[in-house]
Amino acid sequence: MFDAASSPGQPRRPLPPAQSPPDGVPNPRTATSSRSQPEQAARSGKSGKQRDAFFDNAKYLAIVLVAMGHSWEPLKDDSRILEGLYTVVYSFHMPAFIIISGYFSRSFDMRPDRLKRLITGVAVPYIIFETAYPLFKRVVDHDPGQEISLLDPWYLTWFLVALFVWRLTTPVWKLVRWPLPLAIGIAMLASVSPSIGDDLDLQRVLQFLPYFVLGLCMKPEHFRLVRRRWVRVASVPVFLFAIAFGWWAVPRMNTAWFYHRDSAQELGAPWWCGPVMVLAMFGCSLLLTACFFSWVPGRKMWFTTLGAGTLYGYLLHGFLVKLGDYRGWFDHAFLHRPLGEILVTLLAAAAVTLLCTRPVQRVFRFAMEPKMEWAFKQDAAELARERQRKEREREKVSA
């Protein structure tokens, strides 16, 4: 069957005018005449996939706040102002970190290479540091009775357990229709379930779950929304009010609510306080996290590259804090005065900054990002891709 427009003896109809293709669709008129972006990047010596400076900046600033908060723990009982700042920082620094973790877990699936990275980048560091911290206490604090247990996360390692569980459940959250309400409901139920116990710090895993799921649901435009100028301006009175409220709440509120590691009954509160506090703190944390994101620079800064090493800073700074605690460094009277508290804060920020640098990453990469190719079976699809790549390289050489 022939088309009438192209059959012999019929005049040809003019072609329609050229139109620009929709966004994301390659233009056939230019696809053969111009190099692809990856090829151009390779020829120019630059990577085709660049890191977003905003997220690296946010991760670095959040990890600095984490280290500062841990350094305040031995000092806050003697200063109402410091404890007020402590509660404000604790209300948003981990939620901000977890939201970013969820946002970058959106593409996670059960593909073998991603499961390998989950094991080598999360599970293996958990086993190493869950063993290292108790051994450190045995030696430095002269406590030979300190037990090593992989079921009871010690100090900072709870986050690795949580991240492992959250990422494994990512396909479920991408499947259900209302992931965030469901996650909030689970967190509310956990807050009234003291029988959950301390195994794998499941209380924290479940009560912090809504922040991870929120990150999964977020899109780039949501982050651009909170970085508008009016949000940045409005965040100033919000933070001032939060600090004032934190100072007021110090003698009236149990700080343990901010850790999300206990049920309402374990904190000596009526059971119904658990769901109420989950909702209230989720709202407050989101508000302060949005204010925090509004002040994160979007351009490349001197500390931007440190954002790639925040896991190093997170896991390693705990040894310094615990060393100071075991050796009694925080007992000096000067450190419990305003100037001493400022000094401790600056030292904590400087220490975690150094621990995020590339030399430290190179030294501790064996524990944080081990290769471990020997531990995994080779994927058939990956082997096929590797063979195709080698064949293409041989063809190029022969040509």
Protein backbone atom coordinates (compact mmCIF):
# COMPACT_ATOMS: atom_id res chain seq x y z
CA MET A 1 0.00 0.00 0.00
CA PHE A 2 1.38 3.40 -0.96
CA ASP A 3 0.79 6.77 0.59
CA ALA A 4 -1.06 9.15 -1.76
CA ALA A 5 1.28 11.98 -0.97
CA SER A 6 4.29 10.07 -2.29
CA SER A 7 2.75 8.07 -5.16
CA PRO A 8 3.83 8.81 -8.78
CA GLY A 9 1.94 11.50 -10.64
CA GLN A 10 0.75 13.32 -7.50
CA PRO A 11 2.26 16.68 -6.49
CA ARG A 12 4.17 16.56 -3.20
CA ARG A 13 2.73 18.46 -0.29
CA PRO A 14 5.17 20.80 1.44
CA LEU A 15 6.73 19.56 4.66
CA PRO A 16 5.47 21.17 7.86
CA PRO A 17 7.72 23.82 9.37
CA ALA A 18 10.39 22.59 11.77
CA GLN A 19 9.40 22.72 15.42
CA SER A 20 11.48 22.49 18.55
CA PRO A 21 11.12 19.14 20.30
CA PRO A 22 9.65 18.96 23.76
CA ASP A 23 11.99 19.23 26.75
CA GLY A 24 14.01 16.10 27.24
CA VAL A 25 13.51 14.81 23.65
CA PRO A 26 16.61 14.88 21.42
CA ASN A 27 16.38 16.88 18.22
CA PRO A 28 17.06 14.62 15.21
CA ARG A 29 18.31 17.62 13.20
CA THR A 30 21.18 18.17 15.61
CA ALA A 31 21.75 14.72 17.06
CA THR A 32 24.13 13.66 14.30
CA SER A 33 25.90 16.98 13.88
CA SER A 34 26.80 17.74 17.49
CA ARG A 35 28.56 15.67 20.08
CA SER A 36 26.65 14.37 23.06
CA GLN A 37 27.20 16.04 26.42
CA PRO A 38 29.14 13.08 27.89
CA GLU A 39 31.45 13.08 24.85
CA GLN A 40 31.97 16.82 25.13
CA ALA A 41 32.67 16.45 28.83
CA ALA A 42 35.16 13.67 28.15
CA ARG A 43 36.94 15.76 25.51
CA SER A 44 37.09 18.75 27.84
CA GLY A 45 38.35 16.65 30.75
CA LYS A 46 35.30 17.28 32.91
CA SER A 47 32.85 14.84 34.44
CA GLY A 48 29.44 14.64 32.80
CA LYS A 49 27.79 14.35 36.21
CA GLN A 50 28.58 17.12 38.64
CA ARG A 51 27.72 17.27 42.32
CA ASP A 52 25.20 19.86 43.45
CA ALA A 53 27.00 22.39 45.65
CA PHE A 54 23.84 23.09 47.66
CA PHE A 55 23.54 19.54 48.96
CA ASP A 56 27.24 19.23 49.74
CA ASN A 57 27.08 22.53 51.62
CA ALA A 58 23.98 21.40 53.52
CA LYS A 59 25.55 18.08 54.51
CA TYR A 60 28.73 19.76 55.72
CA LEU A 61 26.89 22.39 57.77
CA ALA A 62 24.57 19.74 59.24
CA ILE A 63 27.49 17.54 60.30
CA VAL A 64 29.16 20.56 61.92
CA LEU A 65 25.99 21.10 63.94
CA VAL A 66 26.00 17.41 64.90
CA ALA A 67 29.56 17.66 66.22
CA MET A 68 28.79 20.89 68.07
CA GLY A 69 25.75 19.32 69.69
CA HIS A 70 27.76 16.31 70.88
CA SER A 71 30.42 18.61 72.33
CA TRP A 72 27.72 20.50 74.26
CA GLU A 73 26.35 17.39 75.97
CA PRO A 74 28.89 17.36 78.86
CA LEU A 75 28.47 21.13 79.38
CA LYS A 76 24.80 21.91 78.88
CA ASP A 77 23.61 21.02 82.39
CA ASP A 78 25.41 24.08 83.80
CA SER A 79 24.03 26.56 81.28
CA ARG A 80 20.38 27.12 80.53
CA ILE A 81 21.25 29.14 77.42
CA LEU A 82 23.47 26.37 76.07
CA GLU A 83 20.85 23.73 76.74
CA GLY A 84 18.27 25.90 74.96
CA LEU A 85 20.55 26.11 71.92
CA TYR A 86 21.13 22.38 72.21
CA THR A 87 17.42 21.60 71.98
CA VAL A 88 16.99 23.90 68.98
CA VAL A 89 19.90 22.33 67.10
CA TYR A 90 18.71 18.82 67.97
CA SER A 91 15.27 19.59 66.62
CA PHE A 92 16.50 19.97 63.03
CA HIS A 93 20.12 18.89 62.43
CA MET A 94 19.43 15.16 62.08
CA PRO A 95 16.08 15.69 60.30
CA ALA A 96 17.93 17.83 57.73
CA PHE A 97 20.58 15.15 57.28
CA ILE A 98 17.96 12.40 56.98
CA ILE A 99 15.85 14.32 54.46
CA ILE A 100 18.90 14.70 52.23
CA SER A 101 19.66 10.99 52.65
CA GLY A 102 16.11 10.17 51.57
CA TYR A 103 16.29 12.54 48.62
CA PHE A 104 19.41 10.80 47.30
CA SER A 105 17.86 7.36 47.88
CA ARG A 106 15.04 7.96 45.37
CA SER A 107 16.71 5.85 42.69
CA PHE A 108 17.49 2.95 45.01
CA ASP A 109 16.19 -0.43 43.92
CA MET A 110 17.24 -4.04 44.35
CA ARG A 111 19.76 -3.89 41.54
CA PRO A 112 22.87 -5.90 42.48
CA ASP A 113 25.32 -2.99 42.19
CA ARG A 114 23.19 -0.80 44.48
CA LEU A 115 22.81 -3.58 47.01
CA LYS A 116 26.59 -4.00 46.98
CA ARG A 117 27.07 -0.30 47.71
CA LEU A 118 24.52 -0.51 50.51
CA ILE A 119 26.45 -3.37 52.09
CA THR A 120 29.93 -1.92 51.65
CA GLY A 121 28.97 1.69 52.38
CA VAL A 122 26.53 1.18 55.28
CA ALA A 123 26.46 -2.36 56.70
CA VAL A 124 30.22 -2.97 56.79
CA PRO A 125 31.02 0.43 58.39
CA TYR A 126 28.34 -0.33 60.99
CA ILE A 127 30.01 -3.61 61.93
CA ILE A 128 33.45 -2.00 62.06
CA PHE A 129 32.48 1.01 64.18
CA GLU A 130 30.02 -0.89 66.34
CA THR A 131 33.06 -2.99 67.30
CA ALA A 132 35.55 -0.11 67.43
CA TYR A 133 33.64 2.14 69.84
CA PRO A 134 33.28 -0.45 72.66
CA LEU A 135 36.93 -1.49 72.19
CA PHE A 136 37.91 2.17 72.42
CA LYS A 137 36.02 2.47 75.70
CA ARG A 138 37.67 -0.69 77.03
CA VAL A 139 41.16 0.69 76.38
CA VAL A 140 40.81 4.42 77.03
CA ASP A 141 38.26 4.30 79.84
CA HIS A 142 39.79 1.17 81.39
CA ASP A 143 36.48 -0.66 81.21
CA PRO A 144 37.21 -4.30 80.28
CA GLY A 145 33.58 -5.22 80.93
CA GLN A 146 32.26 -3.14 78.05
CA GLU A 147 30.36 -5.53 75.79
CA ILE A 148 30.39 -5.64 72.01
CA SER A 149 26.95 -6.20 70.54
CA LEU A 150 25.89 -5.80 66.93
CA LEU A 151 22.24 -5.69 68.02
CA ASP A 152 22.56 -2.67 70.31
CA PRO A 153 23.91 0.32 68.34
CA TRP A 154 26.48 2.23 70.35
CA TYR A 155 26.53 6.04 70.36
CA LEU A 156 26.58 7.23 66.71
CA THR A 157 26.16 3.95 64.89
CA TRP A 158 22.35 3.94 65.12
CA PHE A 159 22.20 6.10 62.01
CA LEU A 160 23.87 3.39 59.91
CA VAL A 161 21.31 0.82 61.06
CA ALA A 162 18.50 3.25 60.29
CA LEU A 163 19.88 4.14 56.86
CA PHE A 164 20.27 0.46 55.98
CA VAL A 165 16.65 -0.31 56.92
CA TRP A 166 15.26 2.84 55.29
CA ARG A 167 16.99 2.19 51.98
CA LEU A 168 15.95 -1.44 51.90
CA THR A 169 12.32 -0.33 52.27
CA THR A 170 12.60 2.40 49.62
CA PRO A 171 10.79 0.33 46.93
CA VAL A 172 7.84 -0.03 49.32
CA TRP A 173 7.55 3.73 49.89
CA LYS A 174 7.74 4.32 46.13
CA LEU A 175 4.91 1.83 45.64
CA VAL A 176 2.29 2.92 48.18
CA ARG A 177 -0.10 5.76 47.40
CA TRP A 178 0.37 7.88 50.56
CA PRO A 179 3.89 7.15 51.79
CA LEU A 180 4.34 10.13 54.12
CA PRO A 181 1.06 9.73 56.09
CA LEU A 182 1.82 6.02 56.41
CA ALA A 183 5.33 6.72 57.72
CA ILE A 184 3.99 9.27 60.22
CA GLY A 185 1.41 6.73 61.39
CA ILE A 186 4.16 4.15 61.96
CA ALA A 187 6.20 6.69 63.94
CA MET A 188 3.16 7.51 66.08
CA LEU A 189 2.55 3.83 66.82
CA ALA A 190 6.22 3.35 67.72
CA SER A 191 6.02 6.20 70.23
CA VAL A 192 3.46 4.25 72.28
CA SER A 193 5.17 0.84 71.99
CA PRO A 194 7.71 0.39 74.78
CA SER A 195 7.96 -3.32 73.96
CA ILE A 196 9.99 -2.51 70.85
CA GLY A 197 13.10 -2.50 73.03
CA ASP A 198 16.65 -1.45 72.18
CA ASP A 199 17.50 -4.01 69.50
CA LEU A 200 18.92 -2.19 66.45
CA ASP A 201 17.58 1.04 67.97
CA LEU A 202 14.27 0.42 66.22
CA GLN A 203 12.56 3.25 68.09
CA ARG A 204 14.84 5.72 66.35
CA VAL A 205 14.54 3.89 63.04
CA LEU A 206 10.74 4.17 63.16
CA GLN A 207 10.37 7.62 64.75
CA PHE A 208 12.83 9.23 62.31
CA LEU A 209 11.30 7.34 59.37
CA PRO A 210 8.96 10.19 58.24
CA TYR A 211 11.93 12.45 57.49
CA PHE A 212 13.51 9.85 55.22
CA VAL A 213 10.22 9.21 53.43
CA LEU A 214 9.73 12.95 53.03
CA GLY A 215 13.14 13.12 51.33
CA LEU A 216 12.05 10.35 48.98
CA CYS A 217 8.97 12.37 48.04
CA MET A 218 10.80 15.65 47.47
CA LYS A 219 11.79 17.09 44.11
CA PRO A 220 14.39 19.72 43.16
CA GLU A 221 11.74 22.44 43.00
CA HIS A 222 10.90 21.89 46.67
CA PHE A 223 14.45 22.77 47.66
CA ARG A 224 14.38 25.79 45.36
CA LEU A 225 11.17 26.90 47.05
CA VAL A 226 12.67 27.08 50.55
CA ARG A 227 15.72 28.93 49.21
CA ARG A 228 13.73 31.97 48.12
CA ARG A 229 14.69 35.33 49.57
CA TRP A 230 11.48 35.81 51.55
CA VAL A 231 11.99 32.43 53.25
CA ARG A 232 15.52 33.45 54.21
CA VAL A 233 14.25 36.70 55.68
CA ALA A 234 11.38 35.02 57.54
CA SER A 235 13.72 32.39 58.99
CA VAL A 236 15.49 34.97 61.16
CA PRO A 237 12.54 35.69 63.50
CA VAL A 238 11.62 31.98 63.39
CA PHE A 239 15.05 30.99 64.70
CA LEU A 240 15.01 33.76 67.31
CA PHE A 241 11.64 32.57 68.54
CA ALA A 242 12.88 28.95 68.56
CA ILE A 243 15.90 29.90 70.69
CA ALA A 244 13.70 31.84 73.11
CA PHE A 245 11.25 28.93 73.29
CA GLY A 246 14.11 26.50 73.82
CA TRP A 247 15.38 28.58 76.75
CA TRP A 248 11.87 28.66 78.23
CA ALA A 249 11.35 24.90 77.72
CA VAL A 250 14.59 23.78 79.40
CA PRO A 251 13.12 23.25 82.90
CA ARG A 252 9.70 22.26 81.53
CA MET A 253 10.48 19.64 78.86
CA ASN A 254 12.46 16.41 78.80
CA THR A 255 15.28 16.79 76.27
CA ALA A 256 15.09 13.05 75.56
CA TRP A 257 12.07 13.69 73.31
CA PHE A 258 14.48 15.08 70.72
CA TYR A 259 16.46 11.81 70.57
CA HIS A 260 13.43 9.79 69.38
CA ARG A 261 14.82 6.67 71.07
CA ASP A 262 12.14 6.08 73.72
CA SER A 263 8.41 5.63 73.86
CA ALA A 264 6.17 8.01 75.77
CA GLN A 265 5.75 5.50 78.61
CA GLU A 266 9.54 5.15 78.97
CA LEU A 267 9.80 8.93 79.33
CA GLY A 268 7.23 8.90 82.15
CA ALA A 269 4.49 10.54 80.07
CA PRO A 270 0.92 9.35 79.31
CA TRP A 271 0.70 7.17 76.22
CA TRP A 272 -1.24 9.75 74.24
CA CYS A 273 1.68 12.19 74.52
CA GLY A 274 3.65 9.98 72.12
CA PRO A 275 1.56 10.59 68.97
CA VAL A 276 1.05 14.24 69.92
CA MET A 277 4.79 14.82 70.32
CA VAL A 278 5.56 12.98 67.07
CA LEU A 279 3.25 15.32 65.15
CA ALA A 280 4.34 18.45 67.03
CA MET A 281 8.04 17.75 66.67
CA PHE A 282 7.64 16.75 63.02
CA GLY A 283 6.04 20.13 62.30
CA CYS A 284 8.64 22.09 64.29
CA SER A 285 11.52 20.14 62.79
CA LEU A 286 10.27 20.73 59.25
CA LEU A 287 9.90 24.45 59.90
CA LEU A 288 13.42 24.81 61.31
CA THR A 289 14.87 22.53 58.63
CA ALA A 290 13.32 24.73 55.93
CA CYS A 291 14.84 27.78 57.63
CA PHE A 292 18.21 26.00 57.77
CA PHE A 293 18.06 25.09 54.08
CA SER A 294 17.15 28.68 53.20
CA TRP A 295 20.53 29.85 54.51
CA VAL A 296 22.61 27.09 52.90
CA PRO A 297 24.67 28.60 50.04
CA GLY A 298 23.82 27.28 46.59
CA ARG A 299 27.20 28.16 45.07
CA LYS A 300 30.53 26.47 45.54
CA MET A 301 32.22 27.48 48.80
CA TRP A 302 35.53 26.62 50.43
CA PHE A 303 33.83 23.81 52.35
CA THR A 304 31.73 22.41 49.49
CA THR A 305 34.09 19.52 48.74
CA LEU A 306 33.90 18.48 52.40
CA GLY A 307 30.26 17.55 51.88
CA ALA A 308 31.41 14.34 50.18
CA GLY A 309 33.14 13.23 53.39
CA THR A 310 30.46 13.87 55.98
CA LEU A 311 30.13 10.18 56.89
CA TYR A 312 33.82 10.22 57.83
CA GLY A 313 33.34 13.27 60.02
CA TYR A 314 30.21 11.78 61.57
CA LEU A 315 31.71 8.45 62.57
CA LEU A 316 35.18 9.66 63.54
CA HIS A 317 34.39 12.75 65.60
CA GLY A 318 32.71 10.55 68.20
CA PHE A 319 36.10 9.16 69.22
CA LEU A 320 37.32 12.68 70.01
CA VAL A 321 34.20 13.52 72.04
CA LYS A 322 34.41 10.24 73.94
CA LEU A 323 38.15 10.69 74.50
CA GLY A 324 37.50 14.06 76.13
CA ASP A 325 34.72 12.53 78.22
CA TYR A 326 36.79 9.53 79.37
CA ARG A 327 39.83 11.67 80.18
CA GLY A 328 37.82 14.28 82.07
CA TRP A 329 38.68 17.15 79.75
CA PHE A 330 35.17 18.54 80.03
CA ASP A 331 35.45 18.75 83.82
CA HIS A 332 37.64 21.86 83.74
CA ALA A 333 35.79 24.79 85.31
CA PHE A 334 36.81 27.15 82.50
CA LEU A 335 34.92 25.08 79.93
CA HIS A 336 31.69 25.55 81.87
CA ARG A 337 31.85 29.31 81.43
CA PRO A 338 30.70 31.22 78.33
CA LEU A 339 34.20 31.61 76.86
CA GLY A 340 34.94 27.94 77.51
CA GLU A 341 31.70 26.88 75.84
CA ILE A 342 32.56 29.00 72.79
CA LEU A 343 36.04 27.45 72.69
CA VAL A 344 34.62 23.90 72.81
CA THR A 345 32.16 24.78 70.04
CA LEU A 346 34.91 26.13 67.77
CA LEU A 347 37.16 23.15 68.45
CA ALA A 348 34.33 20.73 67.62
CA ALA A 349 33.61 22.54 64.34
CA ALA A 350 37.33 22.58 63.42
CA ALA A 351 37.81 18.91 64.31
CA VAL A 352 34.86 17.61 62.27
CA THR A 353 35.98 19.82 59.36
CA LEU A 354 39.41 18.19 59.36
CA LEU A 355 37.84 14.74 59.58
CA CYS A 356 35.87 15.41 56.37
CA THR A 357 38.98 16.24 54.33
CA ARG A 358 40.34 14.02 51.56
CA PRO A 359 43.54 12.94 53.37
CA VAL A 360 41.40 11.54 56.18
CA GLN A 361 39.12 9.89 53.63
CA ARG A 362 42.09 8.17 52.01
CA VAL A 363 43.31 6.83 55.36
CA PHE A 364 39.95 5.48 56.52
CA ARG A 365 38.45 4.45 53.18
CA PHE A 366 39.17 0.80 54.03
CA ALA A 367 36.55 1.07 56.80
CA MET A 368 34.06 3.47 55.22
CA GLU A 369 34.04 2.43 51.56
CA PRO A 370 35.75 -0.96 51.20
CA LYS A 371 35.80 -2.48 47.71
CA MET A 372 35.18 -6.10 48.78
CA GLU A 373 34.81 -7.42 45.23
CA TRP A 374 35.94 -10.78 46.57
CA ALA A 375 32.79 -11.04 48.69
CA PHE A 376 30.25 -10.85 45.85
CA LYS A 377 29.26 -12.97 42.91
CA GLN A 378 29.77 -11.34 39.55
CA ASP A 379 26.53 -10.19 37.95
CA ALA A 380 25.90 -11.68 34.49
CA ALA A 381 24.55 -8.41 33.10
CA GLU A 382 27.51 -6.51 34.46
CA LEU A 383 29.92 -9.02 32.92
CA ALA A 384 28.14 -8.66 29.57
CA ARG A 385 28.45 -4.87 29.73
CA GLU A 386 32.13 -5.20 30.54
CA ARG A 387 32.70 -7.51 27.58
CA GLN A 388 30.89 -5.09 25.27
CA ARG A 389 33.00 -2.22 26.55
CA LYS A 390 36.22 -4.13 25.93
CA GLU A 391 35.05 -5.10 22.43
CA ARG A 392 34.32 -1.46 21.60
CA GLU A 393 37.76 -0.47 22.84
CA ARG A 394 39.40 -3.13 20.68
CA GLU A 395 37.42 -1.96 17.65
CA LYS A 396 38.56 1.61 18.22
CA VAL A 397 42.19 0.51 18.48
CA SER A 398 41.97 -1.60 15.31
CA ALA A 399 40.28 1.27 13.41
